[in-house]
Amino acid sequence: MKKYVTGSLTAAAIAMALALTAPAFAALAPGAAAPDFTAEASLAGKDFSFSLKDALKKGPVVVYFYPSAYTGGCDIEAHTFASQKEKFDAAGATIIGVSADSIDRLNTFSSDPSYCAGKFPVASDSSGKIAAAYDLKMEAAVAGAKDVRGVEIGHGFISRTTFVIDRNGKIVAALSSEADHLHPQDHVSKSLAIVQQLQSGKAQ
């Protein structure tokens, strides 16, 4: 995360928060049943209720947790998911980003042509309950942390972790920037490869 967040205050604040989780990082492992959730989400600037159960009826789902909208690494990740959206569609997969951002922040982020670009939804987990269900800890907000626009963040940070869930509701992959030392864009390329394998029937 340190390499991708722009703005010295933001970099220091978020890196400090996420570093606290690194030694004891944990997440639901492949083979576990993915906890169902319904959350307030935004797509192209409009909020709606996202249901994992409903999304799985259409095919596999990529649930990616990220620290905050409008921070360097998260912006790169969102832009990369948006640019590869057609390939996920071709594999029959749904993408949903999850963070502790408020729905107001996500309405802007989801429609921003530089990031989500209206291509996929992002959901608000302001209480951290969804993250906790996936065995992810949300660090408390850091006073003074601002996003790349200079706007105070004011919410906690969830470690960057991506889960690929097959249409039967089983986690088939858990990708972590903390544990696996992945760059933000690696979450996209690796999850895309996995859903393509699921489509071809070659996934383990």
N, C-alpha and C. Protein backbone atom coordinates (compact mmCIF):
# COMPACT_ATOMS: atom_id res chain seq x y z
N MET A 1 0.83 -1.19 0.00
CA MET A 1 0.00 0.00 0.00
C MET A 1 0.87 1.25 0.00
N LYS A 2 2.01 1.23 0.67
CA LYS A 2 2.86 2.42 0.79
C LYS A 2 3.27 2.95 -0.58
N LYS A 3 3.51 2.08 -1.50
CA LYS A 3 4.03 2.49 -2.80
C LYS A 3 2.99 3.20 -3.64
N TYR A 4 1.71 2.94 -3.39
CA TYR A 4 0.69 3.40 -4.30
C TYR A 4 -0.15 4.55 -3.80
N VAL A 5 -0.09 4.86 -2.51
CA VAL A 5 -0.89 5.96 -1.99
C VAL A 5 -0.16 7.26 -2.24
N THR A 6 -0.85 8.25 -2.80
CA THR A 6 -0.21 9.52 -3.04
C THR A 6 -0.60 10.50 -1.95
N GLY A 7 0.29 11.47 -1.69
CA GLY A 7 0.04 12.43 -0.62
C GLY A 7 0.69 11.91 0.65
N SER A 8 1.63 12.67 1.22
CA SER A 8 2.42 12.15 2.33
C SER A 8 1.57 11.82 3.55
N LEU A 9 0.58 12.65 3.86
CA LEU A 9 -0.24 12.41 5.04
C LEU A 9 -1.05 11.14 4.87
N THR A 10 -1.64 10.99 3.69
CA THR A 10 -2.43 9.79 3.42
C THR A 10 -1.56 8.55 3.47
N ALA A 11 -0.42 8.59 2.84
CA ALA A 11 0.48 7.44 2.81
C ALA A 11 0.88 7.02 4.22
N ALA A 12 1.27 7.99 5.02
CA ALA A 12 1.72 7.67 6.37
C ALA A 12 0.58 7.13 7.22
N ALA A 13 -0.58 7.75 7.11
CA ALA A 13 -1.72 7.36 7.95
C ALA A 13 -2.22 5.96 7.61
N ILE A 14 -2.41 5.70 6.33
CA ILE A 14 -2.96 4.40 5.94
C ILE A 14 -1.92 3.30 6.13
N ALA A 15 -0.67 3.58 5.79
CA ALA A 15 0.37 2.57 5.97
C ALA A 15 0.49 2.20 7.45
N MET A 16 0.38 3.20 8.32
CA MET A 16 0.47 2.94 9.75
C MET A 16 -0.68 2.05 10.21
N ALA A 17 -1.88 2.34 9.73
CA ALA A 17 -3.04 1.56 10.14
C ALA A 17 -2.95 0.13 9.65
N LEU A 18 -2.58 -0.04 8.40
CA LEU A 18 -2.54 -1.39 7.83
C LEU A 18 -1.35 -2.20 8.33
N ALA A 19 -0.28 -1.53 8.67
CA ALA A 19 0.90 -2.25 9.19
C ALA A 19 0.57 -2.98 10.47
N LEU A 20 -0.36 -2.46 11.22
CA LEU A 20 -0.73 -3.07 12.49
C LEU A 20 -1.34 -4.45 12.30
N THR A 21 -1.93 -4.69 11.13
CA THR A 21 -2.59 -5.97 10.89
C THR A 21 -1.66 -7.00 10.26
N ALA A 22 -0.53 -6.55 9.74
CA ALA A 22 0.32 -7.44 8.95
C ALA A 22 0.79 -8.69 9.70
N PRO A 23 1.29 -8.58 10.92
CA PRO A 23 1.82 -9.78 11.59
C PRO A 23 0.77 -10.83 11.88
N ALA A 24 -0.48 -10.40 12.03
CA ALA A 24 -1.52 -11.36 12.40
C ALA A 24 -2.58 -11.48 11.32
N PHE A 25 -2.17 -11.29 10.07
CA PHE A 25 -3.14 -11.32 8.98
C PHE A 25 -3.83 -12.68 8.91
N ALA A 26 -5.14 -12.62 8.71
CA ALA A 26 -5.92 -13.85 8.56
C ALA A 26 -7.09 -13.57 7.64
N ALA A 27 -7.55 -14.56 6.96
CA ALA A 27 -8.73 -14.44 6.10
C ALA A 27 -9.29 -15.83 5.90
N LEU A 28 -10.57 -15.90 5.56
CA LEU A 28 -11.15 -17.20 5.26
C LEU A 28 -10.36 -17.87 4.15
N ALA A 29 -10.10 -19.13 4.29
CA ALA A 29 -9.26 -19.85 3.35
C ALA A 29 -10.08 -20.50 2.24
N PRO A 30 -9.45 -20.80 1.12
CA PRO A 30 -10.13 -21.54 0.06
C PRO A 30 -10.73 -22.82 0.59
N GLY A 31 -11.94 -23.12 0.13
CA GLY A 31 -12.65 -24.29 0.59
C GLY A 31 -13.76 -23.95 1.57
N ALA A 32 -13.64 -22.78 2.21
CA ALA A 32 -14.67 -22.34 3.15
C ALA A 32 -15.89 -21.82 2.40
N ALA A 33 -17.03 -21.88 3.05
CA ALA A 33 -18.25 -21.30 2.48
C ALA A 33 -18.17 -19.78 2.63
N ALA A 34 -18.46 -19.08 1.57
CA ALA A 34 -18.41 -17.62 1.62
C ALA A 34 -19.61 -17.08 2.39
N PRO A 35 -19.39 -16.28 3.41
CA PRO A 35 -20.51 -15.71 4.16
C PRO A 35 -21.39 -14.85 3.26
N ASP A 36 -22.68 -15.10 3.31
CA ASP A 36 -23.61 -14.31 2.51
C ASP A 36 -23.71 -12.91 3.10
N PHE A 37 -23.95 -11.93 2.26
CA PHE A 37 -24.16 -10.58 2.77
C PHE A 37 -25.00 -9.77 1.78
N THR A 38 -25.68 -8.80 2.34
CA THR A 38 -26.40 -7.80 1.57
C THR A 38 -25.87 -6.46 2.04
N ALA A 39 -25.58 -5.56 1.11
CA ALA A 39 -24.98 -4.28 1.50
C ALA A 39 -25.46 -3.16 0.60
N GLU A 40 -25.45 -1.96 1.15
CA GLU A 40 -25.73 -0.78 0.34
C GLU A 40 -24.53 -0.56 -0.57
N ALA A 41 -24.80 -0.45 -1.85
CA ALA A 41 -23.73 -0.34 -2.82
C ALA A 41 -24.05 0.75 -3.83
N SER A 42 -23.06 1.09 -4.63
CA SER A 42 -23.24 2.12 -5.65
C SER A 42 -22.71 1.63 -6.99
N LEU A 43 -23.46 1.91 -8.03
CA LEU A 43 -23.04 1.61 -9.39
C LEU A 43 -23.32 2.84 -10.25
N ALA A 44 -22.27 3.37 -10.85
CA ALA A 44 -22.40 4.55 -11.71
C ALA A 44 -23.08 5.71 -10.99
N GLY A 45 -22.78 5.84 -9.68
CA GLY A 45 -23.30 6.97 -8.93
C GLY A 45 -24.67 6.79 -8.33
N LYS A 46 -25.25 5.60 -8.50
CA LYS A 46 -26.58 5.35 -7.95
C LYS A 46 -26.53 4.21 -6.96
N ASP A 47 -27.09 4.43 -5.76
CA ASP A 47 -27.03 3.39 -4.75
C ASP A 47 -28.15 2.37 -4.90
N PHE A 48 -27.86 1.15 -4.50
CA PHE A 48 -28.80 0.04 -4.57
C PHE A 48 -28.39 -1.00 -3.55
N SER A 49 -29.18 -2.03 -3.38
CA SER A 49 -28.87 -3.09 -2.43
C SER A 49 -28.23 -4.26 -3.17
N PHE A 50 -26.97 -4.54 -2.84
CA PHE A 50 -26.26 -5.66 -3.47
C PHE A 50 -26.44 -6.91 -2.62
N SER A 51 -26.77 -8.02 -3.26
CA SER A 51 -26.94 -9.30 -2.58
C SER A 51 -25.97 -10.31 -3.16
N LEU A 52 -25.08 -10.85 -2.33
CA LEU A 52 -24.15 -11.87 -2.81
C LEU A 52 -24.92 -13.09 -3.31
N LYS A 53 -25.94 -13.47 -2.57
CA LYS A 53 -26.73 -14.65 -2.95
C LYS A 53 -27.31 -14.49 -4.34
N ASP A 54 -27.84 -13.32 -4.64
CA ASP A 54 -28.42 -13.07 -5.96
C ASP A 54 -27.34 -13.05 -7.04
N ALA A 55 -26.19 -12.46 -6.73
CA ALA A 55 -25.11 -12.39 -7.71
C ALA A 55 -24.59 -13.78 -8.06
N LEU A 56 -24.54 -14.68 -7.08
CA LEU A 56 -24.04 -16.03 -7.33
C LEU A 56 -24.95 -16.84 -8.24
N LYS A 57 -26.19 -16.42 -8.37
CA LYS A 57 -27.10 -17.12 -9.27
C LYS A 57 -26.67 -16.93 -10.72
N LYS A 58 -25.88 -15.89 -10.97
CA LYS A 58 -25.43 -15.58 -12.33
C LYS A 58 -24.06 -16.20 -12.65
N GLY A 59 -23.32 -16.57 -11.58
CA GLY A 59 -21.98 -17.11 -11.80
C GLY A 59 -21.06 -16.76 -10.66
N PRO A 60 -19.76 -16.96 -10.83
CA PRO A 60 -18.81 -16.66 -9.76
C PRO A 60 -18.78 -15.17 -9.44
N VAL A 61 -18.35 -14.86 -8.21
CA VAL A 61 -18.27 -13.48 -7.77
C VAL A 61 -16.88 -13.19 -7.21
N VAL A 62 -16.33 -12.06 -7.62
CA VAL A 62 -15.06 -11.58 -7.08
C VAL A 62 -15.40 -10.49 -6.06
N VAL A 63 -15.15 -10.78 -4.78
CA VAL A 63 -15.39 -9.81 -3.71
C VAL A 63 -14.03 -9.27 -3.30
N TYR A 64 -13.79 -8.01 -3.61
CA TYR A 64 -12.48 -7.47 -3.24
C TYR A 64 -12.63 -6.35 -2.20
N PHE A 65 -11.93 -6.54 -1.08
CA PHE A 65 -11.90 -5.55 0.00
C PHE A 65 -10.71 -4.62 -0.24
N TYR A 66 -10.91 -3.34 0.02
CA TYR A 66 -9.84 -2.37 -0.18
C TYR A 66 -9.92 -1.29 0.90
N PRO A 67 -8.82 -0.61 1.22
CA PRO A 67 -8.80 0.33 2.33
C PRO A 67 -9.69 1.56 2.18
N SER A 68 -9.61 2.24 1.03
CA SER A 68 -10.39 3.47 0.89
C SER A 68 -10.43 3.96 -0.55
N ALA A 69 -11.59 4.46 -0.94
CA ALA A 69 -11.70 5.12 -2.24
C ALA A 69 -10.82 6.36 -2.25
N TYR A 70 -10.35 6.71 -3.42
CA TYR A 70 -9.53 7.91 -3.60
C TYR A 70 -8.23 7.88 -2.81
N THR A 71 -7.60 6.70 -2.77
CA THR A 71 -6.22 6.59 -2.31
C THR A 71 -5.48 5.82 -3.40
N GLY A 72 -4.20 6.08 -3.54
CA GLY A 72 -3.45 5.63 -4.70
C GLY A 72 -3.62 4.19 -5.13
N GLY A 73 -3.34 3.23 -4.23
CA GLY A 73 -3.43 1.82 -4.58
C GLY A 73 -4.84 1.40 -4.91
N CYS A 74 -5.80 1.92 -4.16
CA CYS A 74 -7.20 1.57 -4.38
C CYS A 74 -7.70 2.15 -5.70
N ASP A 75 -7.18 3.32 -6.06
CA ASP A 75 -7.55 3.93 -7.33
C ASP A 75 -7.02 3.11 -8.50
N ILE A 76 -5.78 2.64 -8.35
CA ILE A 76 -5.18 1.79 -9.39
C ILE A 76 -5.99 0.51 -9.54
N GLU A 77 -6.35 -0.08 -8.42
CA GLU A 77 -7.10 -1.34 -8.44
C GLU A 77 -8.45 -1.15 -9.10
N ALA A 78 -9.18 -0.11 -8.72
CA ALA A 78 -10.50 0.14 -9.30
C ALA A 78 -10.40 0.40 -10.80
N HIS A 79 -9.42 1.20 -11.20
CA HIS A 79 -9.24 1.49 -12.63
C HIS A 79 -8.92 0.21 -13.40
N THR A 80 -8.10 -0.66 -12.82
CA THR A 80 -7.72 -1.89 -13.50
C THR A 80 -8.91 -2.85 -13.61
N PHE A 81 -9.70 -2.98 -12.53
CA PHE A 81 -10.91 -3.80 -12.62
C PHE A 81 -11.84 -3.26 -13.71
N ALA A 82 -12.00 -1.94 -13.76
CA ALA A 82 -12.89 -1.34 -14.77
C ALA A 82 -12.39 -1.62 -16.18
N SER A 83 -11.08 -1.52 -16.38
CA SER A 83 -10.52 -1.73 -17.72
C SER A 83 -10.61 -3.19 -18.17
N GLN A 84 -10.72 -4.11 -17.20
CA GLN A 84 -10.81 -5.54 -17.52
C GLN A 84 -12.23 -6.09 -17.38
N LYS A 85 -13.20 -5.21 -17.14
CA LYS A 85 -14.57 -5.63 -16.85
C LYS A 85 -15.15 -6.54 -17.93
N GLU A 86 -14.91 -6.26 -19.18
CA GLU A 86 -15.47 -7.07 -20.25
C GLU A 86 -14.96 -8.51 -20.19
N LYS A 87 -13.73 -8.69 -19.76
CA LYS A 87 -13.18 -10.04 -19.64
C LYS A 87 -13.84 -10.80 -18.49
N PHE A 88 -14.12 -10.09 -17.39
CA PHE A 88 -14.85 -10.72 -16.29
C PHE A 88 -16.26 -11.08 -16.74
N ASP A 89 -16.88 -10.19 -17.51
CA ASP A 89 -18.22 -10.46 -18.04
C ASP A 89 -18.20 -11.71 -18.91
N ALA A 90 -17.19 -11.82 -19.75
CA ALA A 90 -17.08 -12.97 -20.65
C ALA A 90 -16.94 -14.27 -19.88
N ALA A 91 -16.36 -14.19 -18.68
CA ALA A 91 -16.20 -15.38 -17.84
C ALA A 91 -17.42 -15.59 -16.95
N GLY A 92 -18.42 -14.73 -17.10
CA GLY A 92 -19.65 -14.87 -16.31
C GLY A 92 -19.52 -14.43 -14.87
N ALA A 93 -18.50 -13.62 -14.58
CA ALA A 93 -18.21 -13.24 -13.20
C ALA A 93 -18.69 -11.84 -12.85
N THR A 94 -19.12 -11.68 -11.61
CA THR A 94 -19.52 -10.39 -11.06
C THR A 94 -18.39 -9.85 -10.18
N ILE A 95 -18.15 -8.54 -10.25
CA ILE A 95 -17.15 -7.88 -9.40
C ILE A 95 -17.89 -7.02 -8.39
N ILE A 96 -17.47 -7.07 -7.13
CA ILE A 96 -18.01 -6.16 -6.11
C ILE A 96 -16.86 -5.72 -5.20
N GLY A 97 -16.62 -4.44 -5.13
CA GLY A 97 -15.62 -3.91 -4.22
C GLY A 97 -16.28 -3.59 -2.89
N VAL A 98 -15.55 -3.78 -1.80
CA VAL A 98 -16.10 -3.52 -0.47
C VAL A 98 -15.08 -2.73 0.35
N SER A 99 -15.54 -1.63 0.94
CA SER A 99 -14.68 -0.82 1.82
C SER A 99 -15.55 -0.19 2.89
N ALA A 100 -14.93 0.53 3.81
CA ALA A 100 -15.67 1.20 4.87
C ALA A 100 -16.11 2.60 4.47
N ASP A 101 -15.89 2.95 3.22
CA ASP A 101 -16.34 4.26 2.72
C ASP A 101 -17.85 4.42 2.89
N SER A 102 -18.29 5.65 3.11
CA SER A 102 -19.73 5.93 3.15
C SER A 102 -20.32 5.79 1.75
N ILE A 103 -21.61 5.62 1.67
CA ILE A 103 -22.24 5.48 0.35
C ILE A 103 -22.11 6.77 -0.44
N ASP A 104 -22.05 7.91 0.23
CA ASP A 104 -21.86 9.18 -0.49
C ASP A 104 -20.51 9.22 -1.19
N ARG A 105 -19.46 8.77 -0.49
CA ARG A 105 -18.14 8.72 -1.13
C ARG A 105 -18.15 7.73 -2.29
N LEU A 106 -18.84 6.60 -2.10
CA LEU A 106 -18.86 5.58 -3.13
C LEU A 106 -19.68 5.99 -4.35
N ASN A 107 -20.71 6.80 -4.14
CA ASN A 107 -21.49 7.27 -5.29
C ASN A 107 -20.61 8.08 -6.23
N THR A 108 -19.70 8.85 -5.65
CA THR A 108 -18.76 9.63 -6.47
C THR A 108 -17.71 8.73 -7.10
N PHE A 109 -17.13 7.85 -6.28
CA PHE A 109 -16.06 6.95 -6.74
C PHE A 109 -16.56 6.01 -7.84
N SER A 110 -17.76 5.49 -7.67
CA SER A 110 -18.26 4.49 -8.62
C SER A 110 -18.51 5.08 -10.00
N SER A 111 -18.78 6.37 -10.05
CA SER A 111 -19.06 6.99 -11.34
C SER A 111 -17.85 7.69 -11.95
N ASP A 112 -16.79 7.84 -11.16
CA ASP A 112 -15.61 8.56 -11.62
C ASP A 112 -14.97 7.84 -12.80
N PRO A 113 -14.86 8.50 -13.96
CA PRO A 113 -14.31 7.84 -15.14
C PRO A 113 -12.86 7.38 -15.01
N SER A 114 -12.16 7.93 -14.02
CA SER A 114 -10.76 7.55 -13.82
C SER A 114 -10.61 6.30 -12.97
N TYR A 115 -11.69 5.88 -12.32
CA TYR A 115 -11.60 4.76 -11.38
C TYR A 115 -12.62 3.67 -11.72
N CYS A 116 -13.74 3.59 -11.02
CA CYS A 116 -14.72 2.54 -11.33
C CYS A 116 -15.42 2.77 -12.67
N ALA A 117 -15.54 4.03 -13.05
CA ALA A 117 -16.07 4.40 -14.36
C ALA A 117 -17.46 3.83 -14.66
N GLY A 118 -18.24 3.59 -13.62
CA GLY A 118 -19.58 3.05 -13.82
C GLY A 118 -19.63 1.62 -14.30
N LYS A 119 -18.49 0.93 -14.23
CA LYS A 119 -18.40 -0.42 -14.79
C LYS A 119 -18.82 -1.51 -13.81
N PHE A 120 -18.60 -1.30 -12.50
CA PHE A 120 -18.91 -2.33 -11.51
C PHE A 120 -19.26 -1.64 -10.19
N PRO A 121 -19.99 -2.32 -9.30
CA PRO A 121 -20.41 -1.70 -8.05
C PRO A 121 -19.36 -1.79 -6.94
N VAL A 122 -19.49 -0.85 -6.00
CA VAL A 122 -18.69 -0.87 -4.79
C VAL A 122 -19.66 -0.72 -3.60
N ALA A 123 -19.42 -1.51 -2.56
CA ALA A 123 -20.34 -1.56 -1.43
C ALA A 123 -19.74 -0.95 -0.18
N SER A 124 -20.62 -0.41 0.67
CA SER A 124 -20.20 0.21 1.91
C SER A 124 -20.31 -0.78 3.08
N ASP A 125 -19.19 -0.95 3.78
CA ASP A 125 -19.14 -1.79 4.98
C ASP A 125 -18.63 -0.92 6.11
N SER A 126 -19.37 0.13 6.42
CA SER A 126 -18.90 1.13 7.38
C SER A 126 -18.69 0.58 8.78
N SER A 127 -19.43 -0.46 9.13
CA SER A 127 -19.29 -1.06 10.46
C SER A 127 -18.22 -2.15 10.51
N GLY A 128 -17.78 -2.60 9.34
CA GLY A 128 -16.79 -3.67 9.27
C GLY A 128 -17.37 -5.05 9.47
N LYS A 129 -18.70 -5.17 9.48
CA LYS A 129 -19.32 -6.48 9.73
C LYS A 129 -19.07 -7.48 8.59
N ILE A 130 -19.10 -6.99 7.37
CA ILE A 130 -18.85 -7.90 6.24
C ILE A 130 -17.40 -8.38 6.29
N ALA A 131 -16.48 -7.44 6.50
CA ALA A 131 -15.06 -7.79 6.61
C ALA A 131 -14.84 -8.81 7.72
N ALA A 132 -15.47 -8.59 8.86
CA ALA A 132 -15.31 -9.51 9.99
C ALA A 132 -15.81 -10.90 9.65
N ALA A 133 -16.89 -10.98 8.87
CA ALA A 133 -17.42 -12.29 8.47
C ALA A 133 -16.42 -13.06 7.63
N TYR A 134 -15.54 -12.32 6.93
CA TYR A 134 -14.50 -12.94 6.10
C TYR A 134 -13.17 -13.02 6.84
N ASP A 135 -13.23 -12.84 8.16
CA ASP A 135 -12.04 -12.89 9.03
C ASP A 135 -11.02 -11.79 8.73
N LEU A 136 -11.51 -10.64 8.31
CA LEU A 136 -10.64 -9.49 8.07
C LEU A 136 -10.90 -8.44 9.14
N LYS A 137 -9.85 -7.87 9.66
CA LYS A 137 -9.98 -6.85 10.69
C LYS A 137 -9.95 -5.46 10.07
N MET A 138 -10.83 -4.58 10.56
CA MET A 138 -10.82 -3.21 10.10
C MET A 138 -10.14 -2.33 11.14
N GLU A 139 -9.06 -1.66 10.74
CA GLU A 139 -8.38 -0.75 11.64
C GLU A 139 -9.15 0.55 11.76
N ALA A 140 -9.07 1.18 12.92
CA ALA A 140 -9.81 2.41 13.18
C ALA A 140 -9.32 3.55 12.29
N ALA A 141 -10.18 4.53 12.11
CA ALA A 141 -9.82 5.71 11.33
C ALA A 141 -8.60 6.39 11.94
N VAL A 142 -7.79 7.00 11.09
CA VAL A 142 -6.60 7.71 11.55
C VAL A 142 -6.84 9.21 11.43
N ALA A 143 -6.71 9.91 12.51
CA ALA A 143 -6.94 11.36 12.51
C ALA A 143 -6.03 12.06 11.50
N GLY A 144 -6.61 12.90 10.69
CA GLY A 144 -5.83 13.67 9.73
C GLY A 144 -5.61 13.01 8.40
N ALA A 145 -6.02 11.74 8.25
CA ALA A 145 -5.82 11.06 6.97
C ALA A 145 -6.72 11.68 5.91
N LYS A 146 -6.14 11.98 4.76
CA LYS A 146 -6.90 12.58 3.66
C LYS A 146 -6.70 11.78 2.38
N ASP A 147 -7.69 11.83 1.50
CA ASP A 147 -7.57 11.12 0.24
C ASP A 147 -6.83 11.99 -0.78
N VAL A 148 -6.70 11.50 -2.00
CA VAL A 148 -5.92 12.21 -3.00
C VAL A 148 -6.54 13.54 -3.42
N ARG A 149 -7.79 13.75 -3.06
CA ARG A 149 -8.46 15.02 -3.35
C ARG A 149 -8.27 16.03 -2.23
N GLY A 150 -7.66 15.58 -1.12
CA GLY A 150 -7.51 16.45 0.03
C GLY A 150 -8.69 16.40 0.97
N VAL A 151 -9.60 15.44 0.74
CA VAL A 151 -10.79 15.27 1.57
C VAL A 151 -10.48 14.31 2.71
N GLU A 152 -10.88 14.66 3.93
CA GLU A 152 -10.63 13.78 5.07
C GLU A 152 -11.34 12.45 4.87
N ILE A 153 -10.64 11.37 5.17
CA ILE A 153 -11.20 10.03 4.97
C ILE A 153 -12.21 9.69 6.06
N GLY A 154 -11.81 9.73 7.30
CA GLY A 154 -12.75 9.59 8.40
C GLY A 154 -13.35 8.21 8.62
N HIS A 155 -12.80 7.18 8.01
CA HIS A 155 -13.30 5.83 8.27
C HIS A 155 -12.15 4.86 8.44
N GLY A 156 -12.45 3.68 8.91
CA GLY A 156 -11.42 2.66 9.12
C GLY A 156 -10.95 2.04 7.82
N PHE A 157 -9.87 1.26 7.92
CA PHE A 157 -9.25 0.67 6.73
C PHE A 157 -9.27 -0.86 6.80
N ILE A 158 -9.71 -1.47 5.72
CA ILE A 158 -9.72 -2.93 5.61
C ILE A 158 -8.55 -3.33 4.71
N SER A 159 -7.77 -4.30 5.13
CA SER A 159 -6.62 -4.74 4.33
C SER A 159 -7.06 -5.23 2.96
N ARG A 160 -6.27 -4.92 1.96
CA ARG A 160 -6.60 -5.28 0.58
C ARG A 160 -6.59 -6.81 0.42
N THR A 161 -7.75 -7.37 0.23
CA THR A 161 -7.90 -8.82 0.13
C THR A 161 -9.00 -9.13 -0.88
N THR A 162 -8.73 -10.07 -1.76
CA THR A 162 -9.71 -10.44 -2.79
C THR A 162 -10.10 -11.90 -2.64
N PHE A 163 -11.39 -12.15 -2.63
CA PHE A 163 -11.92 -13.51 -2.58
C PHE A 163 -12.61 -13.84 -3.91
N VAL A 164 -12.28 -14.98 -4.45
CA VAL A 164 -13.00 -15.48 -5.63
C VAL A 164 -13.92 -16.58 -5.15
N ILE A 165 -15.21 -16.42 -5.42
CA ILE A 165 -16.23 -17.34 -4.93
C ILE A 165 -16.91 -18.02 -6.11
N ASP A 166 -16.96 -19.34 -6.10
CA ASP A 166 -17.62 -20.01 -7.21
C ASP A 166 -19.13 -19.93 -7.06
N ARG A 167 -19.86 -20.31 -8.09
CA ARG A 167 -21.30 -20.11 -8.09
C ARG A 167 -22.01 -20.96 -7.04
N ASN A 168 -21.30 -21.92 -6.45
CA ASN A 168 -21.86 -22.74 -5.37
C ASN A 168 -21.63 -22.11 -4.00
N GLY A 169 -21.00 -20.93 -4.00
CA GLY A 169 -20.78 -20.23 -2.74
C GLY A 169 -19.53 -20.64 -1.99
N LYS A 170 -18.62 -21.33 -2.66
CA LYS A 170 -17.37 -21.75 -2.01
C LYS A 170 -16.24 -20.81 -2.40
N ILE A 171 -15.42 -20.44 -1.42
CA ILE A 171 -14.24 -19.63 -1.72
C ILE A 171 -13.21 -20.50 -2.41
N VAL A 172 -12.81 -20.11 -3.59
CA VAL A 172 -11.81 -20.89 -4.32
C VAL A 172 -10.43 -20.22 -4.30
N ALA A 173 -10.39 -18.95 -3.89
CA ALA A 173 -9.10 -18.26 -3.78
C ALA A 173 -9.24 -17.08 -2.84
N ALA A 174 -8.18 -16.82 -2.07
CA ALA A 174 -8.11 -15.65 -1.19
C ALA A 174 -6.76 -15.00 -1.45
N LEU A 175 -6.77 -13.80 -2.02
CA LEU A 175 -5.55 -13.11 -2.41
C LEU A 175 -5.33 -11.92 -1.49
N SER A 176 -4.15 -11.84 -0.91
CA SER A 176 -3.88 -10.80 0.09
C SER A 176 -2.64 -9.98 -0.25
N SER A 177 -2.78 -8.66 -0.22
CA SER A 177 -1.60 -7.82 -0.39
C SER A 177 -0.67 -7.95 0.79
N GLU A 178 -1.24 -8.16 1.98
CA GLU A 178 -0.43 -8.28 3.19
C GLU A 178 0.37 -9.59 3.20
N ALA A 179 -0.33 -10.71 3.00
CA ALA A 179 0.32 -12.02 3.12
C ALA A 179 1.04 -12.45 1.85
N ASP A 180 0.50 -12.07 0.69
CA ASP A 180 1.05 -12.54 -0.58
C ASP A 180 1.89 -11.50 -1.30
N HIS A 181 1.99 -10.30 -0.70
CA HIS A 181 2.80 -9.22 -1.27
C HIS A 181 2.38 -8.89 -2.70
N LEU A 182 1.08 -8.75 -2.88
CA LEU A 182 0.55 -8.44 -4.21
C LEU A 182 0.35 -6.95 -4.40
N HIS A 183 0.65 -6.45 -5.58
CA HIS A 183 0.32 -5.09 -5.94
C HIS A 183 -1.18 -5.02 -6.24
N PRO A 184 -1.79 -3.85 -6.19
CA PRO A 184 -3.22 -3.74 -6.45
C PRO A 184 -3.67 -4.37 -7.76
N GLN A 185 -2.92 -4.14 -8.83
CA GLN A 185 -3.32 -4.68 -10.12
C GLN A 185 -3.19 -6.20 -10.19
N ASP A 186 -2.36 -6.78 -9.30
CA ASP A 186 -2.23 -8.24 -9.27
C ASP A 186 -3.53 -8.90 -8.83
N HIS A 187 -4.28 -8.21 -7.98
CA HIS A 187 -5.57 -8.75 -7.53
C HIS A 187 -6.50 -8.93 -8.73
N VAL A 188 -6.39 -8.02 -9.68
CA VAL A 188 -7.24 -8.08 -10.88
C VAL A 188 -6.80 -9.21 -11.79
N SER A 189 -5.52 -9.25 -12.13
CA SER A 189 -5.04 -10.26 -13.08
C SER A 189 -5.21 -11.67 -12.54
N LYS A 190 -4.92 -11.84 -11.25
CA LYS A 190 -5.02 -13.18 -10.68
C LYS A 190 -6.47 -13.63 -10.53
N SER A 191 -7.36 -12.73 -10.10
CA SER A 191 -8.76 -13.12 -9.96
C SER A 191 -9.39 -13.37 -11.33
N LEU A 192 -8.96 -12.61 -12.34
CA LEU A 192 -9.47 -12.84 -13.69
C LEU A 192 -9.05 -14.22 -14.19
N ALA A 193 -7.79 -14.58 -13.97
CA ALA A 193 -7.31 -15.90 -14.40
C ALA A 193 -8.11 -17.01 -13.73
N ILE A 194 -8.45 -16.81 -12.47
CA ILE A 194 -9.18 -17.85 -11.73
C ILE A 194 -10.61 -18.00 -12.25
N VAL A 195 -11.30 -16.88 -12.50
CA VAL A 195 -12.68 -17.02 -13.00
C VAL A 195 -12.69 -17.58 -14.41
N GLN A 196 -11.65 -17.30 -15.17
CA GLN A 196 -11.55 -17.91 -16.50
C GLN A 196 -11.34 -19.41 -16.40
N GLN A 197 -10.57 -19.84 -15.41
CA GLN A 197 -10.38 -21.27 -15.17
C GLN A 197 -11.68 -21.92 -14.72
N LEU A 198 -12.43 -21.20 -13.91
CA LEU A 198 -13.73 -21.73 -13.47
C LEU A 198 -14.65 -21.92 -14.66
N GLN A 199 -14.61 -20.98 -15.57
CA GLN A 199 -15.46 -21.06 -16.75
C GLN A 199 -15.08 -22.26 -17.62
N SER A 200 -13.77 -22.51 -17.70
CA SER A 200 -13.31 -23.62 -18.55
C SER A 200 -13.36 -24.95 -17.83
N GLY A 201 -13.65 -24.91 -16.52
CA GLY A 201 -13.71 -26.13 -15.73
C GLY A 201 -12.37 -26.64 -15.28
N LYS A 202 -11.34 -25.80 -15.38
CA LYS A 202 -9.99 -26.24 -15.03
C LYS A 202 -9.57 -25.83 -13.61
N ALA A 203 -10.40 -25.03 -12.94
CA ALA A 203 -10.05 -24.60 -11.58
C ALA A 203 -10.07 -25.78 -10.64
N GLN A 204 -9.15 -25.75 -9.67
CA GLN A 204 -9.07 -26.84 -8.69
C GLN A 204 -10.16 -26.70 -7.65
